[in-house]
Amino acid sequence: MGTRIATWLAWSLAGLSVALFLSRFVLYFLLRVAQIPGSLGTNLSVGGLLGGGLFLVFPLVGARIASRRSENAIGWICLAVGLL
């Protein structure tokens, strides 16, 4: 894989991870308005919402590693963990 393609792919995957994280806020507010009963097992606390922000470290670090050294598997693994 070429260096430019690897860089583009790595930062695109990191951007997708950030977009998915930000979509959590929209879904959070929609669930709060819908007033779903608490018996469904959903965590509607602000701490549960922001706690996932720590997982943004994985795709951002993975994109940095994969864009500089595309042959390094650790960067791609961090990107995959961030998407999951």
PDB file of N, CA and C in Angstrom:
ATOM      1  N   MET A   1       0.853  -1.161   0.000  1.00  0.00           N
ATOM      2  CA  MET A   1       0.000   0.000   0.000  1.00  0.00           C
ATOM      3  C   MET A   1       0.906   1.233   0.000  1.00  0.00           C
ATOM      4  N   GLY A   2       0.552   2.217  -0.810  1.00  0.00           N
ATOM      5  CA  GLY A   2       1.350   3.427  -0.877  1.00  0.00           C
ATOM      6  C   GLY A   2       1.228   4.273   0.374  1.00  0.00           C
ATOM      7  N   THR A   3       2.195   5.134   0.556  1.00  0.00           N
ATOM      8  CA  THR A   3       2.215   5.974   1.753  1.00  0.00           C
ATOM      9  C   THR A   3       1.037   6.940   1.775  1.00  0.00           C
ATOM     10  N   ARG A   4       0.720   7.519   0.621  1.00  0.00           N
ATOM     11  CA  ARG A   4      -0.401   8.470   0.579  1.00  0.00           C
ATOM     12  C   ARG A   4      -1.726   7.787   0.848  1.00  0.00           C
ATOM     13  N   ILE A   5      -1.901   6.600   0.295  1.00  0.00           N
ATOM     14  CA  ILE A   5      -3.149   5.866   0.504  1.00  0.00           C
ATOM     15  C   ILE A   5      -3.282   5.455   1.966  1.00  0.00           C
ATOM     16  N   ALA A   6      -2.189   4.994   2.562  1.00  0.00           N
ATOM     17  CA  ALA A   6      -2.216   4.580   3.973  1.00  0.00           C
ATOM     18  C   ALA A   6      -2.526   5.762   4.875  1.00  0.00           C
ATOM     19  N   THR A   7      -1.939   6.915   4.581  1.00  0.00           N
ATOM     20  CA  THR A   7      -2.206   8.112   5.382  1.00  0.00           C
ATOM     21  C   THR A   7      -3.661   8.526   5.253  1.00  0.00           C
ATOM     22  N   TRP A   8      -4.165   8.533   4.036  1.00  0.00           N
ATOM     23  CA  TRP A   8      -5.556   8.921   3.811  1.00  0.00           C
ATOM     24  C   TRP A   8      -6.502   7.954   4.504  1.00  0.00           C
ATOM     25  N   LEU A   9      -6.252   6.656   4.393  1.00  0.00           N
ATOM     26  CA  LEU A   9      -7.102   5.651   5.014  1.00  0.00           C
ATOM     27  C   LEU A   9      -7.062   5.735   6.532  1.00  0.00           C
ATOM     28  N   ALA A  10      -5.881   5.932   7.087  1.00  0.00           N
ATOM     29  CA  ALA A  10      -5.751   5.999   8.545  1.00  0.00           C
ATOM     30  C   ALA A  10      -6.518   7.188   9.114  1.00  0.00           C
ATOM     31  N   TRP A  11      -6.353   8.363   8.527  1.00  0.00           N
ATOM     32  CA  TRP A  11      -7.042   9.533   9.055  1.00  0.00           C
ATOM     33  C   TRP A  11      -8.536   9.510   8.749  1.00  0.00           C
ATOM     34  N   SER A  12      -8.929   8.828   7.678  1.00  0.00           N
ATOM     35  CA  SER A  12     -10.363   8.669   7.396  1.00  0.00           C
ATOM     36  C   SER A  12     -11.023   7.776   8.436  1.00  0.00           C
ATOM     37  N   LEU A  13     -10.352   6.705   8.810  1.00  0.00           N
ATOM     38  CA  LEU A  13     -10.891   5.826   9.848  1.00  0.00           C
ATOM     39  C   LEU A  13     -10.949   6.528  11.201  1.00  0.00           C
ATOM     40  N   ALA A  14      -9.952   7.349  11.488  1.00  0.00           N
ATOM     41  CA  ALA A  14      -9.979   8.115  12.744  1.00  0.00           C
ATOM     42  C   ALA A  14     -11.121   9.126  12.713  1.00  0.00           C
ATOM     43  N   GLY A  15     -11.341   9.768  11.575  1.00  0.00           N
ATOM     44  CA  GLY A  15     -12.457  10.708  11.445  1.00  0.00           C
ATOM     45  C   GLY A  15     -13.804  10.021  11.594  1.00  0.00           C
ATOM     46  N   LEU A  16     -13.914   8.810  11.063  1.00  0.00           N
ATOM     47  CA  LEU A  16     -15.144   8.038  11.228  1.00  0.00           C
ATOM     48  C   LEU A  16     -15.382   7.699  12.696  1.00  0.00           C
ATOM     49  N   SER A  17     -14.337   7.368  13.412  1.00  0.00           N
ATOM     50  CA  SER A  17     -14.467   7.083  14.847  1.00  0.00           C
ATOM     51  C   SER A  17     -14.949   8.308  15.610  1.00  0.00           C
ATOM     52  N   VAL A  18     -14.405   9.469  15.281  1.00  0.00           N
ATOM     53  CA  VAL A  18     -14.831  10.706  15.944  1.00  0.00           C
ATOM     54  C   VAL A  18     -16.280  11.023  15.586  1.00  0.00           C
ATOM     55  N   ALA A  19     -16.663  10.824  14.332  1.00  0.00           N
ATOM     56  CA  ALA A  19     -18.051  11.081  13.913  1.00  0.00           C
ATOM     57  C   ALA A  19     -19.023  10.150  14.632  1.00  0.00           C
ATOM     58  N   LEU A  20     -18.634   8.889  14.792  1.00  0.00           N
ATOM     59  CA  LEU A  20     -19.484   7.953  15.527  1.00  0.00           C
ATOM     60  C   LEU A  20     -19.607   8.350  16.993  1.00  0.00           C
ATOM     61  N   PHE A  21     -18.519   8.835  17.564  1.00  0.00           N
ATOM     62  CA  PHE A  21     -18.574   9.286  18.959  1.00  0.00           C
ATOM     63  C   PHE A  21     -19.498  10.491  19.097  1.00  0.00           C
ATOM     64  N   LEU A  22     -19.411  11.421  18.162  1.00  0.00           N
ATOM     65  CA  LEU A  22     -20.259  12.608  18.242  1.00  0.00           C
ATOM     66  C   LEU A  22     -21.730  12.285  18.000  1.00  0.00           C
ATOM     67  N   SER A  23     -21.998  11.242  17.240  1.00  0.00           N
ATOM     68  CA  SER A  23     -23.397  10.856  17.025  1.00  0.00           C
ATOM     69  C   SER A  23     -24.024  10.314  18.308  1.00  0.00           C
ATOM     70  N   ARG A  24     -23.193   9.903  19.246  1.00  0.00           N
ATOM     71  CA  ARG A  24     -23.714   9.458  20.539  1.00  0.00           C
ATOM     72  C   ARG A  24     -24.456  10.572  21.254  1.00  0.00           C
ATOM     73  N   PHE A  25     -24.004  11.814  21.084  1.00  0.00           N
ATOM     74  CA  PHE A  25     -24.667  12.925  21.753  1.00  0.00           C
ATOM     75  C   PHE A  25     -26.076  13.131  21.224  1.00  0.00           C
ATOM     76  N   VAL A  26     -26.239  13.013  19.915  1.00  0.00           N
ATOM     77  CA  VAL A  26     -27.568  13.152  19.314  1.00  0.00           C
ATOM     78  C   VAL A  26     -28.484  12.053  19.820  1.00  0.00           C
ATOM     79  N   LEU A  27     -28.004  10.824  19.809  1.00  0.00           N
ATOM     80  CA  LEU A  27     -28.809   9.714  20.299  1.00  0.00           C
ATOM     81  C   LEU A  27     -29.110   9.839  21.790  1.00  0.00           C
ATOM     82  N   TYR A  28     -28.171  10.382  22.543  1.00  0.00           N
ATOM     83  CA  TYR A  28     -28.378  10.587  23.980  1.00  0.00           C
ATOM     84  C   TYR A  28     -29.554  11.531  24.226  1.00  0.00           C
ATOM     85  N   PHE A  29     -29.563  12.646  23.504  1.00  0.00           N
ATOM     86  CA  PHE A  29     -30.642  13.606  23.715  1.00  0.00           C
ATOM     87  C   PHE A  29     -31.976  13.075  23.203  1.00  0.00           C
ATOM     88  N   LEU A  30     -31.971  12.289  22.143  1.00  0.00           N
ATOM     89  CA  LEU A  30     -33.211  11.682  21.668  1.00  0.00           C
ATOM     90  C   LEU A  30     -33.761  10.673  22.675  1.00  0.00           C
ATOM     91  N   LEU A  31     -32.885   9.910  23.313  1.00  0.00           N
ATOM     92  CA  LEU A  31     -33.338   8.970  24.331  1.00  0.00           C
ATOM     93  C   LEU A  31     -33.846   9.681  25.574  1.00  0.00           C
ATOM     94  N   ARG A  32     -33.221  10.798  25.914  1.00  0.00           N
ATOM     95  CA  ARG A  32     -33.689  11.553  27.086  1.00  0.00           C
ATOM     96  C   ARG A  32     -35.077  12.134  26.854  1.00  0.00           C
ATOM     97  N   VAL A  33     -35.344  12.588  25.640  1.00  0.00           N
ATOM     98  CA  VAL A  33     -36.651  13.169  25.313  1.00  0.00           C
ATOM     99  C   VAL A  33     -37.717  12.084  25.248  1.00  0.00           C
ATOM    100  N   ALA A  34     -37.354  10.903  24.748  1.00  0.00           N
ATOM    101  CA  ALA A  34     -38.319   9.818  24.585  1.00  0.00           C
ATOM    102  C   ALA A  34     -38.746   9.230  25.925  1.00  0.00           C
ATOM    103  N   GLN A  35     -37.997   9.431  26.976  1.00  0.00           N
ATOM    104  CA  GLN A  35     -38.278   8.946  28.328  1.00  0.00           C
ATOM    105  C   GLN A  35     -38.538   7.441  28.341  1.00  0.00           C
ATOM    106  N   ILE A  36     -37.540   6.710  27.921  1.00  0.00           N
ATOM    107  CA  ILE A  36     -37.610   5.256  27.921  1.00  0.00           C
ATOM    108  C   ILE A  36     -37.479   4.772  29.362  1.00  0.00           C
ATOM    109  N   PRO A  37     -38.264   3.798  29.760  1.00  0.00           N
ATOM    110  CA  PRO A  37     -38.150   3.288  31.131  1.00  0.00           C
ATOM    111  C   PRO A  37     -36.749   2.756  31.414  1.00  0.00           C
ATOM    112  N   GLY A  38     -36.322   2.873  32.648  1.00  0.00           N
ATOM    113  CA  GLY A  38     -34.975   2.463  33.031  1.00  0.00           C
ATOM    114  C   GLY A  38     -34.767   0.965  33.036  1.00  0.00           C
ATOM    115  N   SER A  39     -35.831   0.185  32.872  1.00  0.00           N
ATOM    116  CA  SER A  39     -35.684  -1.266  32.918  1.00  0.00           C
ATOM    117  C   SER A  39     -35.045  -1.838  31.657  1.00  0.00           C
ATOM    118  N   LEU A  40     -34.827  -1.033  30.639  1.00  0.00           N
ATOM    119  CA  LEU A  40     -34.228  -1.541  29.408  1.00  0.00           C
ATOM    120  C   LEU A  40     -32.720  -1.701  29.508  1.00  0.00           C
ATOM    121  N   GLY A  41     -32.116  -1.227  30.573  1.00  0.00           N
ATOM    122  CA  GLY A  41     -30.689  -1.395  30.765  1.00  0.00           C
ATOM    123  C   GLY A  41     -29.844  -0.359  30.051  1.00  0.00           C
ATOM    124  N   THR A  42     -30.416   0.752  29.646  1.00  0.00           N
ATOM    125  CA  THR A  42     -29.634   1.794  28.987  1.00  0.00           C
ATOM    126  C   THR A  42     -29.016   2.707  30.026  1.00  0.00           C
ATOM    127  N   ASN A  43     -27.810   3.119  29.797  1.00  0.00           N
ATOM    128  CA  ASN A  43     -27.110   4.021  30.693  1.00  0.00           C
ATOM    129  C   ASN A  43     -27.287   5.442  30.164  1.00  0.00           C
ATOM    130  N   LEU A  44     -28.197   6.200  30.749  1.00  0.00           N
ATOM    131  CA  LEU A  44     -28.483   7.546  30.277  1.00  0.00           C
ATOM    132  C   LEU A  44     -27.815   8.615  31.131  1.00  0.00           C
ATOM    133  N   SER A  45     -26.755   8.249  31.839  1.00  0.00           N
ATOM    134  CA  SER A  45     -26.060   9.246  32.641  1.00  0.00           C
ATOM    135  C   SER A  45     -25.030   9.977  31.783  1.00  0.00           C
ATOM    136  N   VAL A  46     -24.687  11.175  32.207  1.00  0.00           N
ATOM    137  CA  VAL A  46     -23.692  11.966  31.477  1.00  0.00           C
ATOM    138  C   VAL A  46     -22.323  11.304  31.586  1.00  0.00           C
ATOM    139  N   GLY A  47     -22.037  10.681  32.709  1.00  0.00           N
ATOM    140  CA  GLY A  47     -20.768   9.985  32.873  1.00  0.00           C
ATOM    141  C   GLY A  47     -20.629   8.828  31.903  1.00  0.00           C
ATOM    142  N   GLY A  48     -21.724   8.113  31.674  1.00  0.00           N
ATOM    143  CA  GLY A  48     -21.694   7.028  30.699  1.00  0.00           C
ATOM    144  C   GLY A  48     -21.497   7.536  29.287  1.00  0.00           C
ATOM    145  N   LEU A  49     -22.023   8.718  29.021  1.00  0.00           N
ATOM    146  CA  LEU A  49     -21.881   9.319  27.691  1.00  0.00           C
ATOM    147  C   LEU A  49     -20.457   9.787  27.443  1.00  0.00           C
ATOM    148  N   LEU A  50     -19.880  10.484  28.407  1.00  0.00           N
ATOM    149  CA  LEU A  50     -18.540  11.034  28.234  1.00  0.00           C
ATOM    150  C   LEU A  50     -17.436  10.013  28.491  1.00  0.00           C
ATOM    151  N   GLY A  51     -17.779   8.916  29.163  1.00  0.00           N
ATOM    152  CA  GLY A  51     -16.790   7.882  29.442  1.00  0.00           C
ATOM    153  C   GLY A  51     -16.231   7.252  28.181  1.00  0.00           C
ATOM    154  N   GLY A  52     -17.017   7.236  27.137  1.00  0.00           N
ATOM    155  CA  GLY A  52     -16.541   6.692  25.874  1.00  0.00           C
ATOM    156  C   GLY A  52     -15.517   7.575  25.201  1.00  0.00           C
ATOM    157  N   GLY A  53     -15.371   8.799  25.664  1.00  0.00           N
ATOM    158  CA  GLY A  53     -14.392   9.718  25.090  1.00  0.00           C
ATOM    159  C   GLY A  53     -12.962   9.245  25.274  1.00  0.00           C
ATOM    160  N   LEU A  54     -12.744   8.414  26.286  1.00  0.00           N
ATOM    161  CA  LEU A  54     -11.406   7.872  26.495  1.00  0.00           C
ATOM    162  C   LEU A  54     -11.005   6.941  25.361  1.00  0.00           C
ATOM    163  N   PHE A  55     -11.997   6.323  24.719  1.00  0.00           N
ATOM    164  CA  PHE A  55     -11.691   5.409  23.622  1.00  0.00           C
ATOM    165  C   PHE A  55     -11.338   6.147  22.338  1.00  0.00           C
ATOM    166  N   LEU A  56     -11.473   7.464  22.313  1.00  0.00           N
ATOM    167  CA  LEU A  56     -11.033   8.241  21.155  1.00  0.00           C
ATOM    168  C   LEU A  56      -9.514   8.288  21.061  1.00  0.00           C
ATOM    169  N   VAL A  57      -8.843   7.969  22.149  1.00  0.00           N
ATOM    170  CA  VAL A  57      -7.387   7.967  22.141  1.00  0.00           C
ATOM    171  C   VAL A  57      -6.863   6.886  21.189  1.00  0.00           C
ATOM    172  N   PHE A  58      -7.519   5.730  21.175  1.00  0.00           N
ATOM    173  CA  PHE A  58      -7.055   4.623  20.340  1.00  0.00           C
ATOM    174  C   PHE A  58      -7.029   4.978  18.854  1.00  0.00           C
ATOM    175  N   PRO A  59      -8.134   5.468  18.262  1.00  0.00           N
ATOM    176  CA  PRO A  59      -8.049   5.753  16.824  1.00  0.00           C
ATOM    177  C   PRO A  59      -7.141   6.928  16.495  1.00  0.00           C
ATOM    178  N   LEU A  60      -7.032   7.898  17.370  1.00  0.00           N
ATOM    179  CA  LEU A  60      -6.171   9.045  17.077  1.00  0.00           C
ATOM    180  C   LEU A  60      -4.694   8.664  17.127  1.00  0.00           C
ATOM    181  N   VAL A  61      -4.326   7.877  18.122  1.00  0.00           N
ATOM    182  CA  VAL A  61      -2.944   7.400  18.190  1.00  0.00           C
ATOM    183  C   VAL A  61      -2.672   6.413  17.056  1.00  0.00           C
ATOM    184  N   GLY A  62      -3.652   5.553  16.771  1.00  0.00           N
ATOM    185  CA  GLY A  62      -3.488   4.602  15.680  1.00  0.00           C
ATOM    186  C   GLY A  62      -3.329   5.288  14.337  1.00  0.00           C
ATOM    187  N   ALA A  63      -4.077   6.383  14.109  1.00  0.00           N
ATOM    188  CA  ALA A  63      -3.943   7.124  12.852  1.00  0.00           C
ATOM    189  C   ALA A  63      -2.577   7.778  12.759  1.00  0.00           C
ATOM    190  N   ARG A  64      -2.108   8.265  13.862  1.00  0.00           N
ATOM    191  CA  ARG A  64      -0.778   8.895  13.859  1.00  0.00           C
ATOM    192  C   ARG A  64       0.316   7.871  13.521  1.00  0.00           C
ATOM    193  N   ILE A  65       0.220   6.696  14.137  1.00  0.00           N
ATOM    194  CA  ILE A  65       1.219   5.651  13.882  1.00  0.00           C
ATOM    195  C   ILE A  65       1.101   5.131  12.450  1.00  0.00           C
ATOM    196  N   ALA A  66      -0.143   4.832  12.026  1.00  0.00           N
ATOM    197  CA  ALA A  66      -0.340   4.236  10.702  1.00  0.00           C
ATOM    198  C   ALA A  66      -0.024   5.211   9.578  1.00  0.00           C
ATOM    199  N   SER A  67      -0.199   6.489   9.807  1.00  0.00           N
ATOM    200  CA  SER A  67       0.105   7.449   8.749  1.00  0.00           C
ATOM    201  C   SER A  67       1.613   7.655   8.595  1.00  0.00           C
ATOM    202  N   ARG A  68       2.350   7.482   9.664  1.00  0.00           N
ATOM    203  CA  ARG A  68       3.810   7.647   9.594  1.00  0.00           C
ATOM    204  C   ARG A  68       4.504   6.364   9.148  1.00  0.00           C
ATOM    205  N   ARG A  69       4.043   5.252   9.694  1.00  0.00           N
ATOM    206  CA  ARG A  69       4.649   3.946   9.388  1.00  0.00           C
ATOM    207  C   ARG A  69       3.521   2.979   9.039  1.00  0.00           C
ATOM    208  N   SER A  70       3.165   2.925   7.771  1.00  0.00           N
ATOM    209  CA  SER A  70       2.013   2.121   7.356  1.00  0.00           C
ATOM    210  C   SER A  70       2.248   0.618   7.528  1.00  0.00           C
ATOM    211  N   GLU A  71       3.482   0.187   7.626  1.00  0.00           N
ATOM    212  CA  GLU A  71       3.755  -1.242   7.801  1.00  0.00           C
ATOM    213  C   GLU A  71       3.611  -1.687   9.257  1.00  0.00           C
ATOM    214  N   ASN A  72       3.490  -0.753  10.177  1.00  0.00           N
ATOM    215  CA  ASN A  72       3.371  -1.073  11.593  1.00  0.00           C
ATOM    216  C   ASN A  72       1.939  -1.521  11.896  1.00  0.00           C
ATOM    217  N   ALA A  73       1.787  -2.746  12.360  1.00  0.00           N
ATOM    218  CA  ALA A  73       0.462  -3.306  12.614  1.00  0.00           C
ATOM    219  C   ALA A  73      -0.210  -2.698  13.839  1.00  0.00           C
ATOM    220  N   ILE A  74       0.554  -2.164  14.765  1.00  0.00           N
ATOM    221  CA  ILE A  74      -0.024  -1.612  15.992  1.00  0.00           C
ATOM    222  C   ILE A  74      -0.944  -0.431  15.682  1.00  0.00           C
ATOM    223  N   GLY A  75      -0.566   0.409  14.748  1.00  0.00           N
ATOM    224  CA  GLY A  75      -1.408   1.536  14.362  1.00  0.00           C
ATOM    225  C   GLY A  75      -2.744   1.093  13.806  1.00  0.00           C
ATOM    226  N   TRP A  76      -2.724   0.073  12.971  1.00  0.00           N
ATOM    227  CA  TRP A  76      -3.962  -0.433  12.379  1.00  0.00           C
ATOM    228  C   TRP A  76      -4.818  -1.143  13.424  1.00  0.00           C
ATOM    229  N   ILE A  77      -4.179  -1.814  14.372  1.00  0.00           N
ATOM    230  CA  ILE A  77      -4.930  -2.464  15.450  1.00  0.00           C
ATOM    231  C   ILE A  77      -5.611  -1.410  16.322  1.00  0.00           C
ATOM    232  N   CYS A  78      -4.917  -0.334  16.639  1.00  0.00           N
ATOM    233  CA  CYS A  78      -5.515   0.748  17.428  1.00  0.00           C
ATOM    234  C   CYS A  78      -6.691   1.378  16.685  1.00  0.00           C
ATOM    235  N   LEU A  79      -6.578   1.527  15.384  1.00  0.00           N
ATOM    236  CA  LEU A  79      -7.696   2.044  14.601  1.00  0.00           C
ATOM    237  C   LEU A  79      -8.885   1.109  14.646  1.00  0.00           C
ATOM    238  N   ALA A  80      -8.634  -0.188  14.555  1.00  0.00           N
ATOM    239  CA  ALA A  80      -9.727  -1.149  14.611  1.00  0.00           C
ATOM    240  C   ALA A  80     -10.405  -1.159  15.982  1.00  0.00           C
ATOM    241  N   VAL A  81      -9.617  -1.059  17.042  1.00  0.00           N
ATOM    242  CA  VAL A  81     -10.180  -1.005  18.393  1.00  0.00           C
ATOM    243  C   VAL A  81     -11.039   0.256  18.558  1.00  0.00           C
ATOM    244  N   GLY A  82     -10.591   1.357  18.002  1.00  0.00           N
ATOM    245  CA  GLY A  82     -11.358   2.593  18.088  1.00  0.00           C
ATOM    246  C   GLY A  82     -12.682   2.514  17.353  1.00  0.00           C
ATOM    247  N   LEU A  83     -12.722   1.791  16.255  1.00  0.00           N
ATOM    248  CA  LEU A  83     -13.980   1.634  15.522  1.00  0.00           C
ATOM    249  C   LEU A  83     -14.937   0.668  16.214  1.00  0.00           C
ATOM    250  N   LEU A  84     -14.396  -0.291  16.930  1.00  0.00           N
ATOM    251  CA  LEU A  84     -15.256  -1.251  17.618  1.00  0.00           C
ATOM    252  C   LEU A  84     -15.848  -0.632  18.859  1.00  0.00           C
TER     253      LEU A  84
END
